[in-house]
Protein backbone atom coordinates (compact mmCIF):
# COMPACT_ATOMS: atom_id res chain seq x y z
CA ILE A 1 -18.08 23.71 -13.53
CA ILE A 2 -14.52 24.67 -12.54
CA HIS A 3 -14.79 22.39 -9.52
CA HIS A 4 -15.83 19.43 -11.70
CA ILE A 5 -13.00 20.07 -14.17
CA CYS A 6 -10.46 20.13 -11.31
CA ASN A 7 -11.96 16.94 -9.91
CA ILE A 8 -11.62 15.19 -13.27
CA TYR A 9 -7.99 16.38 -13.50
CA ARG A 10 -7.28 15.04 -10.03
CA ILE A 11 -8.69 11.60 -10.89
CA ILE A 12 -6.72 11.37 -14.16
CA TYR A 13 -3.52 12.48 -12.39
CA GLN A 14 -3.84 10.07 -9.47
CA LYS A 15 -5.09 7.00 -11.34
CA HIS A 16 -3.13 7.24 -14.57
CA LEU A 17 -0.31 9.78 -14.81
CA LEU A 18 1.30 9.52 -11.38
CA PRO A 19 1.56 5.68 -11.30
CA ILE A 20 3.20 5.77 -14.74
CA LEU A 21 5.75 8.32 -13.53
CA ILE A 22 6.50 6.18 -10.48
CA LEU A 23 6.84 2.99 -12.54
CA SER A 24 9.23 4.70 -14.93
CA GLY A 25 11.40 5.88 -12.05
CA LYS A 26 10.79 9.56 -12.77
CA ILE A 27 9.10 9.91 -9.39
CA SER A 28 10.52 7.89 -6.52
CA SER A 29 10.59 10.15 -3.48
CA CYS A 30 7.74 9.63 -1.04
CA ARG A 31 8.32 13.19 0.21
CA PHE A 32 7.68 14.46 -3.31
CA LEU A 33 4.44 12.48 -3.48
CA ARG A 34 3.28 13.92 -0.17
CA CYS A 35 4.15 17.44 -1.34
CA LYS A 36 2.30 17.02 -4.62
CA ALA A 37 -0.75 15.59 -2.86
CA GLY A 38 -0.79 18.59 -0.53
CA GLN A 39 -0.51 21.01 -3.44
CA MET A 40 -3.37 19.32 -5.25
CA ARG A 41 -5.64 19.35 -2.19
CA LYS A 42 -4.92 23.07 -1.79
CA MET A 43 -5.70 23.71 -5.45
CA LEU A 44 -8.98 21.81 -5.30
CA SER A 45 -10.09 23.54 -2.12
CA THR A 46 -9.41 27.07 -3.41
CA LYS A 47 -12.53 29.01 -4.40
CA LYS A 48 -12.77 31.72 -6.97
CA LYS A 49 -13.53 35.03 -5.31
CA GLY A 50 -17.15 36.01 -5.82
CA ARG A 51 -18.05 32.65 -7.42
CA ASP A 52 -19.70 29.76 -5.57
CA HIS A 53 -18.98 26.14 -6.35
CA MET A 54 -21.87 24.00 -7.50
CA PRO A 55 -22.85 21.40 -4.88
CA ILE A 56 -21.99 17.81 -5.77
CA PRO A 57 -23.70 14.63 -4.56
CA GLN A 58 -22.34 13.23 -1.30
CA GLU A 59 -20.60 9.85 -1.56
CA HIS A 60 -21.59 6.96 0.68
CA PHE A 61 -18.99 6.16 3.33
CA TYR A 62 -18.56 2.72 4.84
CA THR A 63 -17.32 1.73 8.30
CA SER A 64 -15.77 -1.27 10.06
CA GLU A 65 -19.24 -2.73 10.52
CA ASP A 66 -19.77 -2.83 6.76
CA TYR A 67 -16.30 -4.30 6.20
CA TRP A 68 -16.77 -7.12 8.71
CA ASN A 69 -20.25 -7.92 7.40
CA LEU A 70 -19.36 -8.43 3.75
CA PRO A 71 -20.94 -11.52 2.16
CA GLU A 72 -18.98 -14.70 2.79
CA GLY A 73 -16.24 -15.18 0.23
CA GLN A 74 -16.21 -11.52 -0.86
CA ARG A 75 -12.93 -9.73 -0.22
CA ALA A 76 -12.49 -5.97 -0.14
CA GLU A 77 -10.38 -3.27 1.47
CA LEU A 78 -11.82 -0.30 3.34
CA ILE A 79 -9.78 2.87 2.77
CA ASP A 80 -11.00 6.24 4.04
CA GLY A 81 -14.59 5.02 4.11
CA LYS A 82 -14.57 3.54 0.60
CA LEU A 83 -14.75 -0.17 -0.18
CA TYR A 84 -12.47 -1.53 -2.92
CA ALA A 85 -13.34 -5.01 -4.21
CA MET A 86 -10.43 -7.42 -4.50
CA ALA A 87 -10.29 -9.75 -7.50
CA PRO A 88 -8.82 -13.27 -7.17
CA PRO A 89 -5.01 -13.09 -7.52
CA SER A 90 -3.11 -14.46 -10.50
CA PHE A 91 -0.81 -17.48 -10.47
CA ILE A 92 2.38 -15.38 -10.55
CA HIS A 93 1.03 -13.22 -7.72
CA GLN A 94 0.47 -16.27 -5.55
CA LYS A 95 3.79 -17.86 -6.45
CA ILE A 96 5.72 -14.72 -5.46
CA SER A 97 3.66 -14.25 -2.31
CA PHE A 98 4.08 -17.83 -1.10
CA SER A 99 7.80 -18.09 -1.93
CA LEU A 100 8.66 -14.68 -0.48
CA ALA A 101 6.70 -15.22 2.74
CA ARG A 102 8.40 -18.60 3.19
CA LYS A 103 11.87 -17.12 2.59
CA ILE A 104 11.32 -14.36 5.17
CA ALA A 105 9.82 -16.81 7.67
CA ASP A 106 12.77 -19.22 7.21
CA TYR A 107 15.19 -16.35 7.86
CA ILE A 108 13.36 -15.40 11.06
CA ASP A 109 13.22 -19.01 12.27
CA ASN A 110 16.90 -19.64 11.50
CA ASN A 111 17.84 -16.54 13.48
CA LYS A 112 15.45 -17.36 16.34
CA GLY A 113 13.51 -14.16 15.77
CA ASN A 114 10.11 -13.29 17.20
CA CYS A 115 8.50 -11.64 14.18
CA GLU A 116 5.46 -13.14 12.47
CA VAL A 117 5.11 -13.37 8.68
CA ILE A 118 1.43 -13.37 7.71
CA PRO A 119 0.23 -13.54 4.08
CA ALA A 120 -3.16 -12.30 2.89
CA PRO A 121 -5.99 -12.53 3.62
CA PHE A 122 -5.15 -10.79 6.90
CA ALA A 123 -6.78 -7.53 7.99
CA VAL A 124 -4.70 -4.57 9.20
CA ASN A 125 -6.11 -1.55 11.01
CA LEU A 126 -3.24 0.94 10.95
CA ASP A 127 -4.56 3.75 13.13
CA ALA A 128 -7.58 2.43 15.07
CA SER A 129 -9.76 4.20 12.51
CA ASP A 130 -13.31 2.99 11.91
CA LYS A 131 -12.97 3.72 8.19
CA THR A 132 -9.74 1.96 7.13
CA TRP A 133 -9.02 -1.79 7.06
CA ILE A 134 -6.49 -3.04 4.51
CA GLU A 135 -5.14 -6.47 3.53
CA PRO A 136 -1.45 -6.35 2.57
CA ASP A 137 -0.18 -9.29 0.53
CA ILE A 138 2.47 -9.93 3.20
CA SER A 139 2.67 -8.42 6.69
CA VAL A 140 5.76 -8.82 8.88
CA ILE A 141 4.87 -8.00 12.49
CA CYS A 142 7.50 -7.95 15.22
CA ASP A 143 5.29 -6.75 18.09
CA LYS A 144 2.95 -9.68 18.68
CA ARG A 145 0.78 -7.57 21.00
CA LYS A 146 -0.63 -5.99 17.82
CA ILE A 147 -2.02 -9.33 16.62
CA THR A 148 -5.64 -10.14 17.50
CA GLU A 149 -8.20 -12.65 16.27
CA LYS A 150 -9.42 -10.05 13.77
CA GLY A 151 -5.99 -9.11 12.42
CA CYS A 152 -3.35 -6.51 13.23
CA THR A 153 -4.13 -3.43 15.30
CA GLY A 154 -1.38 -0.97 14.44
CA ALA A 155 1.30 -0.92 11.76
CA PRO A 156 3.27 -3.99 10.66
CA ASP A 157 7.01 -3.43 10.56
CA TRP A 158 7.29 -4.51 6.94
CA VAL A 159 4.56 -4.57 4.31
CA ILE A 160 4.82 -6.12 0.84
CA GLU A 161 2.28 -5.59 -1.94
CA ILE A 162 2.35 -7.49 -5.24
CA THR A 163 0.72 -5.03 -7.57
CA SER A 164 -1.45 -5.54 -10.66
CA PRO A 165 -3.09 -3.16 -13.15
CA SER A 166 -6.27 -3.15 -11.06
CA THR A 167 -4.50 -2.31 -7.78
CA GLN A 168 -1.53 -0.13 -8.77
CA SER A 169 -3.21 3.22 -8.06
CA ARG A 170 -3.90 2.02 -4.51
CA ASP A 171 -0.49 0.39 -4.03
CA TYR A 172 1.59 3.30 -5.38
CA LEU A 173 -0.54 6.15 -4.00
CA LYS A 174 -3.17 5.51 -1.33
CA LYS A 175 -1.33 2.73 0.49
CA LEU A 176 2.03 4.44 0.14
CA TRP A 177 0.62 7.46 1.96
CA LEU A 178 -0.97 5.29 4.66
CA TYR A 179 2.12 3.17 5.29
CA GLN A 180 4.37 6.22 5.31
CA ASN A 181 2.27 8.12 7.82
CA PHE A 182 1.12 5.41 10.22
CA GLY A 183 4.26 3.65 11.37
CA VAL A 184 5.27 1.05 8.76
CA ARG A 185 9.06 0.85 8.70
CA GLU A 186 9.54 -0.69 5.25
CA TYR A 187 7.30 -1.04 2.20
CA TRP A 188 7.94 -3.07 -0.95
CA ILE A 189 5.85 -2.89 -4.13
CA ILE A 190 6.56 -5.86 -6.38
CA ASN A 191 5.46 -5.41 -9.99
CA PRO A 192 5.42 -8.72 -11.93
CA ILE A 193 4.60 -7.00 -15.24
CA MET A 194 7.47 -4.50 -15.07
CA GLN A 195 9.63 -7.02 -13.17
CA ASN A 196 10.78 -4.43 -10.68
CA VAL A 197 10.53 -3.75 -6.96
CA GLN A 198 10.03 -0.32 -5.41
CA VAL A 199 11.49 -0.24 -1.90
CA TYR A 200 10.59 2.46 0.61
CA SER A 201 12.21 2.89 4.02
CA PHE A 202 10.40 5.17 6.48
CA GLY A 203 13.07 5.46 9.15
CA ASP A 204 14.74 8.64 10.40
CA GLU A 205 15.83 9.23 6.82
CA GLU A 206 13.18 8.27 4.26
CA THR A 207 14.55 6.55 1.18
CA SER A 208 13.14 5.12 -2.03
CA SER A 209 14.92 2.81 -4.47
CA GLN A 210 13.92 0.72 -7.47
CA PHE A 211 15.36 -2.71 -8.28
CA SER A 212 14.90 -5.33 -10.98
CA PHE A 213 13.91 -8.91 -10.24
CA LYS A 214 17.52 -9.92 -10.86
CA ASP A 215 18.94 -7.55 -8.24
CA GLU A 216 19.79 -8.68 -4.73
CA ILE A 217 17.70 -6.48 -2.44
CA ALA A 218 18.62 -5.81 1.18
CA SER A 219 15.87 -5.54 3.75
CA HIS A 220 15.87 -2.49 6.03
CA VAL A 221 14.08 -4.32 8.85
CA PHE A 222 16.53 -7.28 8.78
CA SER A 223 19.92 -5.88 7.81
CA ASP A 224 21.47 -9.23 6.81
CA LEU A 225 18.52 -10.52 4.79
CA PHE A 226 19.00 -10.30 1.01
CA ILE A 227 16.35 -11.30 -1.52
CA LYS A 228 16.49 -11.81 -5.28
CA ILE A 229 12.96 -12.11 -6.64
CA SER A 230 14.09 -14.06 -9.74
CA ASP A 231 15.34 -16.83 -7.43
CA LEU A 232 11.80 -17.30 -6.12
CA LEU A 233 10.22 -17.90 -9.54
């Protein structure tokens, strides 16, 4: 019973409370998120002395084979063996995605750069794992050897997600942890409802900052690229 109560607490915390704290700016440090996640895993794995936990049903885990054999037209992401269905994006989502990808691509072309800007749908396998394939809204990849016919093998340099109520727990928690730990250099979460952008830099010194759509935001991957989201709308 104690195990089930802890599990319910973990789900409520991860899916509801923590994203709200991040959106409000009360939690912005990715190191703090990693620390809290570690503390929670430790709490959930601790057993009461002399008391056994009740067994719980085993979840079904999916692999790359399942991901690549989804019915035609059905989109999903595979994260740690779990499939997450992806709903069709909204108009504002697509407008931001198209305009932002074009602005970054124009910057790269004008500066004769070699990086590729690839909008979704485009599959990314961060760590050669058989249980994780994700589809960032925008992937900026500067090492073209990572690009294959199936997608990107390894981490993009810059990832941008345009979040929605149905994806925010993945964007602010699961994907943040993945991008932070598997080689992504910069991660933006654009929130059209809150009209803000959470910017993470995972260089030698990890940083996290929040901006409004009216702010001019500097890229960490391209030091002289500045973007104001309101100009793209």
